[in-house]
């Protein structure tokens, strides 16, 4: 019986001696895998953020371009409006001059 107990204790000791380094190796392997995955994920996120920043800057540039174009169009439409108002006034003045001159001719 004593030999069986010694045999079991010896086996447990051997298993613990073998399992401790194995446990450390497994922990290191898992840690390296996790670190690798984290680094890979970080790089992917960083790349996605750079693409997102570029898209934002491009969007702002396009927006600025559209705003500038709209301002130019508004200025152009303002000039057209002024020209139309001038033509309306000129046409109105011409008509009133003709009416006045016709009235004067009739009176004379």
PDB file of N, CA and C in Angstrom:
ATOM      1  N   UNK A   1       0.825  -1.197   0.000  1.00  0.00           N
ATOM      2  CA  UNK A   1       0.000   0.000   0.000  1.00  0.00           C
ATOM      3  C   UNK A   1       0.863   1.251   0.000  1.00  0.00           C
ATOM      4  N   UNK A   2       1.892   1.185   0.788  1.00  0.00           N
ATOM      5  CA  UNK A   2       2.806   2.329   0.887  1.00  0.00           C
ATOM      6  C   UNK A   2       3.451   2.624  -0.463  1.00  0.00           C
ATOM      7  N   UNK A   3       3.762   1.610  -1.203  1.00  0.00           N
ATOM      8  CA  UNK A   3       4.361   1.787  -2.530  1.00  0.00           C
ATOM      9  C   UNK A   3       3.378   2.449  -3.505  1.00  0.00           C
ATOM     10  N   UNK A   4       2.123   2.087  -3.372  1.00  0.00           N
ATOM     11  CA  UNK A   4       1.108   2.685  -4.245  1.00  0.00           C
ATOM     12  C   UNK A   4       0.983   4.173  -3.949  1.00  0.00           C
ATOM     13  N   UNK A   5       0.991   4.532  -2.680  1.00  0.00           N
ATOM     14  CA  UNK A   5       0.899   5.946  -2.291  1.00  0.00           C
ATOM     15  C   UNK A   5       2.130   6.689  -2.797  1.00  0.00           C
ATOM     16  N   UNK A   6       3.310   6.106  -2.643  1.00  0.00           N
ATOM     17  CA  UNK A   6       4.538   6.741  -3.134  1.00  0.00           C
ATOM     18  C   UNK A   6       4.475   6.893  -4.652  1.00  0.00           C
ATOM     19  N   UNK A   7       3.967   5.867  -5.311  1.00  0.00           N
ATOM     20  CA  UNK A   7       3.844   5.908  -6.768  1.00  0.00           C
ATOM     21  C   UNK A   7       2.887   7.037  -7.202  1.00  0.00           C
ATOM     22  N   UNK A   8       1.773   7.155  -6.533  1.00  0.00           N
ATOM     23  CA  UNK A   8       0.801   8.211  -6.851  1.00  0.00           C
ATOM     24  C   UNK A   8       1.402   9.582  -6.572  1.00  0.00           C
ATOM     25  N   UNK A   9       2.057   9.737  -5.463  1.00  0.00           N
ATOM     26  CA  UNK A   9       2.679  11.027  -5.117  1.00  0.00           C
ATOM     27  C   UNK A   9       3.768  11.363  -6.133  1.00  0.00           C
ATOM     28  N   UNK A  10       4.536  10.385  -6.529  1.00  0.00           N
ATOM     29  CA  UNK A  10       5.583  10.603  -7.521  1.00  0.00           C
ATOM     30  C   UNK A  10       4.964  11.025  -8.853  1.00  0.00           C
ATOM     31  N   UNK A  11       3.908  10.370  -9.251  1.00  0.00           N
ATOM     32  CA  UNK A  11       3.238  10.723 -10.508  1.00  0.00           C
ATOM     33  C   UNK A  11       2.644  12.137 -10.443  1.00  0.00           C
ATOM     34  N   UNK A  12       2.052  12.442  -9.306  1.00  0.00           N
ATOM     35  CA  UNK A  12       1.493  13.796  -9.143  1.00  0.00           C
ATOM     36  C   UNK A  12       2.618  14.824  -9.207  1.00  0.00           C
ATOM     37  N   UNK A  13       3.731  14.539  -8.585  1.00  0.00           N
ATOM     38  CA  UNK A  13       4.878  15.456  -8.616  1.00  0.00           C
ATOM     39  C   UNK A  13       5.394  15.627 -10.040  1.00  0.00           C
ATOM     40  N   UNK A  14       5.492  14.532 -10.743  1.00  0.00           N
ATOM     41  CA  UNK A  14       5.974  14.595 -12.129  1.00  0.00           C
ATOM     42  C   UNK A  14       4.987  15.380 -12.987  1.00  0.00           C
ATOM     43  N   UNK A  15       3.711  15.098 -12.801  1.00  0.00           N
ATOM     44  CA  UNK A  15       2.688  15.825 -13.561  1.00  0.00           C
ATOM     45  C   UNK A  15       2.721  17.323 -13.252  1.00  0.00           C
ATOM     46  N   UNK A  16       2.896  17.665 -12.000  1.00  0.00           N
ATOM     47  CA  UNK A  16       2.943  19.090 -11.649  1.00  0.00           C
ATOM     48  C   UNK A  16       4.196  19.745 -12.215  1.00  0.00           C
ATOM     49  N   UNK A  17       5.313  19.021 -12.215  1.00  0.00           N
ATOM     50  CA  UNK A  17       6.545  19.568 -12.791  1.00  0.00           C
ATOM     51  C   UNK A  17       6.401  19.769 -14.296  1.00  0.00           C
ATOM     52  N   UNK A  18       5.715  18.861 -14.956  1.00  0.00           N
ATOM     53  CA  UNK A  18       5.524  18.955 -16.398  1.00  0.00           C
ATOM     54  C   UNK A  18       4.431  19.979 -16.717  1.00  0.00           C
ATOM     55  N   UNK A  19       3.408  20.006 -15.907  1.00  0.00           N
ATOM     56  CA  UNK A  19       2.272  20.884 -16.202  1.00  0.00           C
ATOM     57  C   UNK A  19       2.602  22.363 -15.981  1.00  0.00           C
ATOM     58  N   UNK A  20       3.444  22.668 -15.026  1.00  0.00           N
ATOM     59  CA  UNK A  20       3.754  24.081 -14.763  1.00  0.00           C
ATOM     60  C   UNK A  20       4.409  24.746 -15.975  1.00  0.00           C
ATOM     61  N   UNK A  21       5.484  24.186 -16.559  1.00  0.00           N
ATOM     62  CA  UNK A  21       6.051  24.806 -17.768  1.00  0.00           C
ATOM     63  C   UNK A  21       5.073  24.789 -18.943  1.00  0.00           C
ATOM     64  N   UNK A  22       4.297  23.701 -19.038  1.00  0.00           N
ATOM     65  CA  UNK A  22       3.305  23.630 -20.110  1.00  0.00           C
ATOM     66  C   UNK A  22       2.272  24.731 -19.937  1.00  0.00           C
ATOM     67  N   UNK A  23       1.852  24.919 -18.710  1.00  0.00           N
ATOM     68  CA  UNK A  23       0.892  25.993 -18.421  1.00  0.00           C
ATOM     69  C   UNK A  23       1.483  27.342 -18.829  1.00  0.00           C
ATOM     70  N   UNK A  24       2.732  27.573 -18.488  1.00  0.00           N
ATOM     71  CA  UNK A  24       3.387  28.837 -18.851  1.00  0.00           C
ATOM     72  C   UNK A  24       3.483  28.987 -20.369  1.00  0.00           C
ATOM     73  N   UNK A  25       3.805  27.905 -21.057  1.00  0.00           N
ATOM     74  CA  UNK A  25       3.882  27.955 -22.520  1.00  0.00           C
ATOM     75  C   UNK A  25       2.510  28.263 -23.126  1.00  0.00           C
ATOM     76  N   UNK A  26       1.487  27.625 -22.584  1.00  0.00           N
ATOM     77  CA  UNK A  26       0.129  27.881 -23.084  1.00  0.00           C
ATOM     78  C   UNK A  26      -0.267  29.330 -22.814  1.00  0.00           C
ATOM     79  N   UNK A  27       0.048  29.849 -21.638  1.00  0.00           N
ATOM     80  CA  UNK A  27      -0.266  31.248 -21.310  1.00  0.00           C
ATOM     81  C   UNK A  27       0.453  32.209 -22.257  1.00  0.00           C
ATOM     82  N   UNK A  28       1.741  31.925 -22.516  1.00  0.00           N
ATOM     83  CA  UNK A  28       2.494  32.777 -23.437  1.00  0.00           C
ATOM     84  C   UNK A  28       1.900  32.724 -24.843  1.00  0.00           C
ATOM     85  N   UNK A  29       1.522  31.535 -25.280  1.00  0.00           N
ATOM     86  CA  UNK A  29       0.928  31.377 -26.607  1.00  0.00           C
ATOM     87  C   UNK A  29      -0.380  32.166 -26.706  1.00  0.00           C
ATOM     88  N   UNK A  30      -1.225  32.008 -25.705  1.00  0.00           N
ATOM     89  CA  UNK A  30      -2.505  32.731 -25.698  1.00  0.00           C
ATOM     90  C   UNK A  30      -2.262  34.234 -25.659  1.00  0.00           C
ATOM     91  N   UNK A  31      -1.335  34.664 -24.836  1.00  0.00           N
ATOM     92  CA  UNK A  31      -1.028  36.095 -24.741  1.00  0.00           C
ATOM     93  C   UNK A  31      -0.501  36.638 -26.072  1.00  0.00           C
ATOM     94  N   UNK A  32       0.371  35.886 -26.725  1.00  0.00           N
ATOM     95  CA  UNK A  32       0.894  36.351 -28.015  1.00  0.00           C
ATOM     96  C   UNK A  32      -0.211  36.397 -29.066  1.00  0.00           C
ATOM     97  N   UNK A  33      -1.112  35.400 -29.048  1.00  0.00           N
ATOM     98  CA  UNK A  33      -2.235  35.406 -29.997  1.00  0.00           C
ATOM     99  C   UNK A  33      -3.144  36.603 -29.746  1.00  0.00           C
ATOM    100  N   UNK A  34      -3.458  36.848 -28.478  1.00  0.00           N
ATOM    101  CA  UNK A  34      -4.326  37.977 -28.126  1.00  0.00           C
ATOM    102  C   UNK A  34      -3.659  39.290 -28.520  1.00  0.00           C
ATOM    103  N   UNK A  35      -2.373  39.427 -28.223  1.00  0.00           N
ATOM    104  CA  UNK A  35      -1.659  40.653 -28.592  1.00  0.00           C
ATOM    105  C   UNK A  35      -1.631  40.844 -30.102  1.00  0.00           C
ATOM    106  N   UNK A  36      -1.424  39.760 -30.825  1.00  0.00           N
ATOM    107  CA  UNK A  36      -1.410  39.831 -32.290  1.00  0.00           C
ATOM    108  C   UNK A  36      -2.774  40.270 -32.813  1.00  0.00           C
ATOM    109  N   UNK A  37      -3.834  39.678 -32.276  1.00  0.00           N
ATOM    110  CA  UNK A  37      -5.190  40.047 -32.703  1.00  0.00           C
ATOM    111  C   UNK A  37      -5.499  41.498 -32.346  1.00  0.00           C
ATOM    112  N   UNK A  38      -5.085  41.920 -31.160  1.00  0.00           N
ATOM    113  CA  UNK A  38      -5.309  43.316 -30.755  1.00  0.00           C
ATOM    114  C   UNK A  38      -4.569  44.281 -31.675  1.00  0.00           C
ATOM    115  N   UNK A  39      -3.334  43.953 -31.987  1.00  0.00           N
ATOM    116  CA  UNK A  39      -2.542  44.810 -32.870  1.00  0.00           C
ATOM    117  C   UNK A  39      -3.152  44.852 -34.268  1.00  0.00           C
ATOM    118  N   UNK A  40      -3.579  43.696 -34.744  1.00  0.00           N
ATOM    119  CA  UNK A  40      -4.220  43.637 -36.058  1.00  0.00           C
ATOM    120  C   UNK A  40      -5.497  44.467 -36.064  1.00  0.00           C
ATOM    121  N   UNK A  41      -6.279  44.335 -35.018  1.00  0.00           N
ATOM    122  CA  UNK A  41      -7.528  45.098 -34.915  1.00  0.00           C
ATOM    123  C   UNK A  41      -7.238  46.601 -34.816  1.00  0.00           C
ATOM    124  N   UNK A  42      -6.209  46.959 -34.050  1.00  0.00           N
ATOM    125  CA  UNK A  42      -5.831  48.372 -33.909  1.00  0.00           C
ATOM    126  C   UNK A  42      -5.417  48.953 -35.260  1.00  0.00           C
ATOM    127  N   UNK A  43      -4.625  48.197 -36.019  1.00  0.00           N
ATOM    128  CA  UNK A  43      -4.195  48.671 -37.334  1.00  0.00           C
ATOM    129  C   UNK A  43      -5.381  48.813 -38.284  1.00  0.00           C
ATOM    130  N   UNK A  44      -6.309  47.871 -38.217  1.00  0.00           N
ATOM    131  CA  UNK A  44      -7.511  47.954 -39.057  1.00  0.00           C
ATOM    132  C   UNK A  44      -8.325  49.189 -38.699  1.00  0.00           C
ATOM    133  N   UNK A  45      -8.500  49.422 -37.403  1.00  0.00           N
ATOM    134  CA  UNK A  45      -9.246  50.606 -36.964  1.00  0.00           C
ATOM    135  C   UNK A  45      -8.540  51.895 -37.377  1.00  0.00           C
ATOM    136  N   UNK A  46      -7.222  51.909 -37.251  1.00  0.00           N
ATOM    137  CA  UNK A  46      -6.460  53.090 -37.635  1.00  0.00           C
ATOM    138  C   UNK A  46      -6.619  53.364 -39.132  1.00  0.00           C
ATOM    139  N   UNK A  47      -6.555  52.316 -39.931  1.00  0.00           N
ATOM    140  CA  UNK A  47      -6.724  52.458 -41.377  1.00  0.00           C
ATOM    141  C   UNK A  47      -8.129  52.974 -41.698  1.00  0.00           C
ATOM    142  N   UNK A  48      -9.137  52.401 -41.037  1.00  0.00           N
ATOM    143  CA  UNK A  48     -10.518  52.849 -41.248  1.00  0.00           C
ATOM    144  C   UNK A  48     -10.691  54.312 -40.849  1.00  0.00           C
ATOM    145  N   UNK A  49     -10.047  54.720 -39.766  1.00  0.00           N
ATOM    146  CA  UNK A  49     -10.141  56.119 -39.324  1.00  0.00           C
ATOM    147  C   UNK A  49      -9.488  57.055 -40.340  1.00  0.00           C
ATOM    148  N   UNK A  50      -8.372  56.645 -40.914  1.00  0.00           N
ATOM    149  CA  UNK A  50      -7.718  57.472 -41.926  1.00  0.00           C
ATOM    150  C   UNK A  50      -8.610  57.616 -43.159  1.00  0.00           C
ATOM    151  N   UNK A  51      -9.235  56.520 -43.569  1.00  0.00           N
ATOM    152  CA  UNK A  51     -10.156  56.576 -44.714  1.00  0.00           C
ATOM    153  C   UNK A  51     -11.325  57.489 -44.387  1.00  0.00           C
ATOM    154  N   UNK A  52     -11.850  57.375 -43.170  1.00  0.00           N
ATOM    155  CA  UNK A  52     -12.977  58.211 -42.744  1.00  0.00           C
ATOM    156  C   UNK A  52     -12.585  59.690 -42.736  1.00  0.00           C
ATOM    157  N   UNK A  53     -11.377  59.980 -42.236  1.00  0.00           N
ATOM    158  CA  UNK A  53     -10.898  61.373 -42.229  1.00  0.00           C
ATOM    159  C   UNK A  53     -10.796  61.913 -43.654  1.00  0.00           C
ATOM    160  N   UNK A  54     -10.230  61.097 -44.558  1.00  0.00           N
ATOM    161  CA  UNK A  54     -10.113  61.524 -45.955  1.00  0.00           C
ATOM    162  C   UNK A  54     -11.486  61.789 -46.560  1.00  0.00           C
ATOM    163  N   UNK A  55     -12.448  60.924 -46.247  1.00  0.00           N
ATOM    164  CA  UNK A  55     -13.802  61.120 -46.767  1.00  0.00           C
ATOM    165  C   UNK A  55     -14.423  62.391 -46.198  1.00  0.00           C
ATOM    166  N   UNK A  56     -14.172  62.652 -44.913  1.00  0.00           N
ATOM    167  CA  UNK A  56     -14.689  63.884 -44.313  1.00  0.00           C
ATOM    168  C   UNK A  56     -14.081  65.111 -44.979  1.00  0.00           C
ATOM    169  N   UNK A  57     -12.760  65.068 -45.179  1.00  0.00           N
ATOM    170  CA  UNK A  57     -12.097  66.205 -45.816  1.00  0.00           C
ATOM    171  C   UNK A  57     -12.596  66.388 -47.242  1.00  0.00           C
ATOM    172  N   UNK A  58     -12.775  65.288 -47.954  1.00  0.00           N
ATOM    173  CA  UNK A  58     -13.295  65.357 -49.317  1.00  0.00           C
ATOM    174  C   UNK A  58     -14.710  65.915 -49.309  1.00  0.00           C
ATOM    175  N   UNK A  59     -15.518  65.463 -48.357  1.00  0.00           N
ATOM    176  CA  UNK A  59     -16.882  65.972 -48.232  1.00  0.00           C
ATOM    177  C   UNK A  59     -16.900  67.455 -47.945  1.00  0.00           C
ATOM    178  N   UNK A  60     -16.002  67.898 -47.067  1.00  0.00           N
ATOM    179  CA  UNK A  60     -15.917  69.331 -46.761  1.00  0.00           C
ATOM    180  C   UNK A  60     -15.474  70.113 -47.986  1.00  0.00           C
ATOM    181  N   UNK A  61     -14.506  69.554 -48.717  1.00  0.00           N
ATOM    182  CA  UNK A  61     -14.033  70.240 -49.921  1.00  0.00           C
ATOM    183  C   UNK A  61     -15.159  70.357 -50.938  1.00  0.00           C
ATOM    184  N   UNK A  62     -15.906  69.264 -51.114  1.00  0.00           N
ATOM    185  CA  UNK A  62     -17.037  69.314 -52.049  1.00  0.00           C
ATOM    186  C   UNK A  62     -18.094  70.296 -51.569  1.00  0.00           C
ATOM    187  N   UNK A  63     -18.347  70.283 -50.274  1.00  0.00           N
ATOM    188  CA  UNK A  63     -19.337  71.208 -49.715  1.00  0.00           C
ATOM    189  C   UNK A  63     -18.880  72.645 -49.935  1.00  0.00           C
ATOM    190  N   UNK A  64     -17.606  72.922 -49.639  1.00  0.00           N
ATOM    191  CA  UNK A  64     -17.078  74.272 -49.858  1.00  0.00           C
ATOM    192  C   UNK A  64     -17.192  74.664 -51.326  1.00  0.00           C
ATOM    193  N   UNK A  65     -16.905  73.709 -52.204  1.00  0.00           N
ATOM    194  CA  UNK A  65     -16.989  73.974 -53.641  1.00  0.00           C
ATOM    195  C   UNK A  65     -18.429  74.287 -54.037  1.00  0.00           C
ATOM    196  N   UNK A  66     -19.384  73.506 -53.514  1.00  0.00           N
ATOM    197  CA  UNK A  66     -20.791  73.755 -53.829  1.00  0.00           C
ATOM    198  C   UNK A  66     -21.261  75.086 -53.252  1.00  0.00           C
ATOM    199  N   UNK A  67     -20.817  75.402 -52.033  1.00  0.00           N
ATOM    200  CA  UNK A  67     -21.196  76.679 -51.425  1.00  0.00           C
ATOM    201  C   UNK A  67     -20.651  77.827 -52.262  1.00  0.00           C
ATOM    202  N   UNK A  68     -19.384  77.711 -52.682  1.00  0.00           N
ATOM    203  CA  UNK A  68     -18.782  78.754 -53.512  1.00  0.00           C
ATOM    204  C   UNK A  68     -19.556  78.902 -54.820  1.00  0.00           C
ATOM    205  N   UNK A  69     -19.904  77.776 -55.422  1.00  0.00           N
ATOM    206  CA  UNK A  69     -20.653  77.811 -56.688  1.00  0.00           C
ATOM    207  C   UNK A  69     -22.032  78.441 -56.478  1.00  0.00           C
ATOM    208  N   UNK A  70     -22.695  78.110 -55.374  1.00  0.00           N
ATOM    209  CA  UNK A  70     -24.000  78.703 -55.081  1.00  0.00           C
ATOM    210  C   UNK A  70     -23.898  80.210 -54.874  1.00  0.00           C
ATOM    211  N   UNK A  71     -22.847  80.653 -54.200  1.00  0.00           N
ATOM    212  CA  UNK A  71     -22.648  82.093 -53.997  1.00  0.00           C
ATOM    213  C   UNK A  71     -22.444  82.778 -55.340  1.00  0.00           C
ATOM    214  N   UNK A  72     -21.631  82.157 -56.207  1.00  0.00           N
ATOM    215  CA  UNK A  72     -21.413  82.732 -57.538  1.00  0.00           C
ATOM    216  C   UNK A  72     -22.726  82.813 -58.313  1.00  0.00           C
ATOM    217  N   UNK A  73     -23.531  81.756 -58.233  1.00  0.00           N
ATOM    218  CA  UNK A  73     -24.823  81.765 -58.927  1.00  0.00           C
ATOM    219  C   UNK A  73     -25.755  82.829 -58.357  1.00  0.00           C
ATOM    220  N   UNK A  74     -25.750  82.993 -57.042  1.00  0.00           N
ATOM    221  CA  UNK A  74     -26.596  84.017 -56.424  1.00  0.00           C
ATOM    222  C   UNK A  74     -26.165  85.413 -56.868  1.00  0.00           C
ATOM    223  N   UNK A  75     -24.845  85.631 -56.929  1.00  0.00           N
ATOM    224  CA  UNK A  75     -24.352  86.929 -57.399  1.00  0.00           C
ATOM    225  C   UNK A  75     -24.761  87.151 -58.854  1.00  0.00           C
ATOM    226  N   UNK A  76     -24.631  86.116 -59.666  1.00  0.00           N
ATOM    227  CA  UNK A  76     -25.002  86.215 -61.076  1.00  0.00           C
ATOM    228  C   UNK A  76     -26.496  86.505 -61.217  1.00  0.00           C
ATOM    229  N   UNK A  77     -27.311  85.794 -60.435  1.00  0.00           N
ATOM    230  CA  UNK A  77     -28.757  86.033 -60.469  1.00  0.00           C
ATOM    231  C   UNK A  77     -29.093  87.440 -59.976  1.00  0.00           C
ATOM    232  N   UNK A  78     -28.321  87.933 -59.009  1.00  0.00           N
ATOM    233  CA  UNK A  78     -28.514  89.308 -58.539  1.00  0.00           C
ATOM    234  C   UNK A  78     -28.226  90.311 -59.647  1.00  0.00           C
ATOM    235  N   UNK A  79     -27.164  90.043 -60.419  1.00  0.00           N
ATOM    236  CA  UNK A  79     -26.845  90.930 -61.541  1.00  0.00           C
ATOM    237  C   UNK A  79     -27.952  90.888 -62.597  1.00  0.00           C
ATOM    238  N   UNK A  80     -28.457  89.684 -62.878  1.00  0.00           N
ATOM    239  CA  UNK A  80     -29.555  89.560 -63.853  1.00  0.00           C
ATOM    240  C   UNK A  80     -30.780  90.307 -63.350  1.00  0.00           C
ATOM    241  N   UNK A  81     -31.081  90.158 -62.064  1.00  0.00           N
ATOM    242  CA  UNK A  81     -32.242  90.850 -61.483  1.00  0.00           C
ATOM    243  C   UNK A  81     -32.089  92.361 -61.623  1.00  0.00           C
ATOM    244  N   UNK A  82     -30.889  92.863 -61.320  1.00  0.00           N
ATOM    245  CA  UNK A  82     -30.644  94.305 -61.450  1.00  0.00           C
ATOM    246  C   UNK A  82     -30.827  94.754 -62.896  1.00  0.00           C
ATOM    247  N   UNK A  83     -30.316  93.956 -63.834  1.00  0.00           N
ATOM    248  CA  UNK A  83     -30.445  94.311 -65.247  1.00  0.00           C
ATOM    249  C   UNK A  83     -31.912  94.307 -65.673  1.00  0.00           C
ATOM    250  N   UNK A  84     -32.674  93.323 -65.212  1.00  0.00           N
ATOM    251  CA  UNK A  84     -34.098  93.259 -65.557  1.00  0.00           C
ATOM    252  C   UNK A  84     -34.834  94.456 -64.971  1.00  0.00           C
ATOM    253  N   UNK A  85     -34.519  94.802 -63.716  1.00  0.00           N
ATOM    254  CA  UNK A  85     -35.160  95.969 -63.103  1.00  0.00           C
ATOM    255  C   UNK A  85     -34.817  97.240 -63.877  1.00  0.00           C
ATOM    256  N   UNK A  86     -33.555  97.337 -64.314  1.00  0.00           N
ATOM    257  CA  UNK A  86     -33.156  98.500 -65.097  1.00  0.00           C
ATOM    258  C   UNK A  86     -33.955  98.560 -66.398  1.00  0.00           C
ATOM    259  N   UNK A  87     -34.079  97.405 -67.071  1.00  0.00           N
ATOM    260  CA  UNK A  87     -34.840  97.369 -68.323  1.00  0.00           C
ATOM    261  C   UNK A  87     -36.311  97.710 -68.094  1.00  0.00           C
ATOM    262  N   UNK A  88     -36.883  97.229 -67.005  1.00  0.00           N
ATOM    263  CA  UNK A  88     -38.280  97.544 -66.702  1.00  0.00           C
ATOM    264  C   UNK A  88     -38.439  99.038 -66.474  1.00  0.00           C
ATOM    265  N   UNK A  89     -37.508  99.617 -65.696  1.00  0.00           N
ATOM    266  CA  UNK A  89     -37.575 101.067 -65.451  1.00  0.00           C
ATOM    267  C   UNK A  89     -37.407 101.843 -66.751  1.00  0.00           C
ATOM    268  N   UNK A  90     -36.422 101.408 -67.558  1.00  0.00           N
ATOM    269  CA  UNK A  90     -36.178 102.109 -68.825  1.00  0.00           C
ATOM    270  C   UNK A  90     -37.401 101.997 -69.730  1.00  0.00           C
ATOM    271  N   UNK A  91     -38.003 100.850 -69.784  1.00  0.00           N
ATOM    272  CA  UNK A  91     -39.198 100.659 -70.601  1.00  0.00           C
ATOM    273  C   UNK A  91     -40.345 101.515 -70.063  1.00  0.00           C
ATOM    274  N   UNK A  92     -40.467 101.562 -68.749  1.00  0.00           N
ATOM    275  CA  UNK A  92     -41.505 102.390 -68.140  1.00  0.00           C
ATOM    276  C   UNK A  92     -41.283 103.861 -68.422  1.00  0.00           C
ATOM    277  N   UNK A  93     -40.030 104.309 -68.334  1.00  0.00           N
ATOM    278  CA  UNK A  93     -39.728 105.718 -68.609  1.00  0.00           C
ATOM    279  C   UNK A  93     -39.983 106.043 -70.078  1.00  0.00           C
ATOM    280  N   UNK A  94     -39.654 105.117 -70.967  1.00  0.00           N
ATOM    281  CA  UNK A  94     -39.876 105.337 -72.399  1.00  0.00           C
ATOM    282  C   UNK A  94     -41.375 105.478 -72.671  1.00  0.00           C
ATOM    283  N   UNK A  95     -42.161 104.592 -72.070  1.00  0.00           N
ATOM    284  CA  UNK A  95     -43.611 104.663 -72.248  1.00  0.00           C
ATOM    285  C   UNK A  95     -44.171 105.961 -71.690  1.00  0.00           C
ATOM    286  N   UNK A  96     -43.696 106.359 -70.524  1.00  0.00           N
ATOM    287  CA  UNK A  96     -44.229 107.601 -69.942  1.00  0.00           C
ATOM    288  C   UNK A  96     -43.793 108.807 -70.769  1.00  0.00           C
ATOM    289  N   UNK A  97     -42.591 108.762 -71.361  1.00  0.00           N
ATOM    290  CA  UNK A  97     -42.132 109.855 -72.221  1.00  0.00           C
ATOM    291  C   UNK A  97     -42.997 109.920 -73.467  1.00  0.00           C
ATOM    292  N   UNK A  98     -43.291 108.747 -74.056  1.00  0.00           N
ATOM    293  CA  UNK A  98     -44.143 108.721 -75.244  1.00  0.00           C
ATOM    294  C   UNK A  98     -45.542 109.226 -74.914  1.00  0.00           C
ATOM    295  N   UNK A  99     -46.060 108.834 -73.769  1.00  0.00           N
ATOM    296  CA  UNK A  99     -47.404 109.291 -73.380  1.00  0.00           C
ATOM    297  C   UNK A  99     -47.401 110.800 -73.192  1.00  0.00           C
ATOM    298  N   UNK A 100     -46.373 111.328 -72.539  1.00  0.00           N
ATOM    299  CA  UNK A 100     -46.288 112.776 -72.315  1.00  0.00           C
ATOM    300  C   UNK A 100     -46.160 113.500 -73.647  1.00  0.00           C
ATOM    301  N   UNK A 101     -45.294 112.973 -74.536  1.00  0.00           N
ATOM    302  CA  UNK A 101     -45.105 113.664 -75.812  1.00  0.00           C
ATOM    303  C   UNK A 101     -46.365 113.577 -76.664  1.00  0.00           C
ATOM    304  N   UNK A 102     -47.093 112.475 -76.634  1.00  0.00           N
ATOM    305  CA  UNK A 102     -48.347 112.378 -77.381  1.00  0.00           C
ATOM    306  C   UNK A 102     -49.374 113.348 -76.805  1.00  0.00           C
ATOM    307  N   UNK A 103     -49.376 113.459 -75.491  1.00  0.00           N
ATOM    308  CA  UNK A 103     -50.312 114.394 -74.856  1.00  0.00           C
ATOM    309  C   UNK A 103     -50.007 115.822 -75.227  1.00  0.00           C
ATOM    310  N   UNK A 104     -48.755 116.142 -75.293  1.00  0.00           N
ATOM    311  CA  UNK A 104     -48.355 117.506 -75.661  1.00  0.00           C
ATOM    312  C   UNK A 104     -48.725 117.769 -77.102  1.00  0.00           C
ATOM    313  N   UNK A 105     -48.521 116.801 -77.987  1.00  0.00           N
ATOM    314  CA  UNK A 105     -48.854 116.974 -79.403  1.00  0.00           C
ATOM    315  C   UNK A 105     -50.356 117.202 -79.568  1.00  0.00           C
ATOM    316  N   UNK A 106     -51.150 116.456 -78.802  1.00  0.00           N
ATOM    317  CA  UNK A 106     -52.597 116.601 -78.928  1.00  0.00           C
ATOM    318  C   UNK A 106     -53.048 117.982 -78.452  1.00  0.00           C
ATOM    319  N   UNK A 107     -52.413 118.438 -77.383  1.00  0.00           N
ATOM    320  CA  UNK A 107     -52.811 119.741 -76.843  1.00  0.00           C
ATOM    321  C   UNK A 107     -52.418 120.848 -77.802  1.00  0.00           C
ATOM    322  N   UNK A 108     -51.257 120.736 -78.404  1.00  0.00           N
ATOM    323  CA  UNK A 108     -50.763 121.792 -79.285  1.00  0.00           C
ATOM    324  C   UNK A 108     -51.479 121.720 -80.556  1.00  0.00           C
TER     325      UNK A 108
END
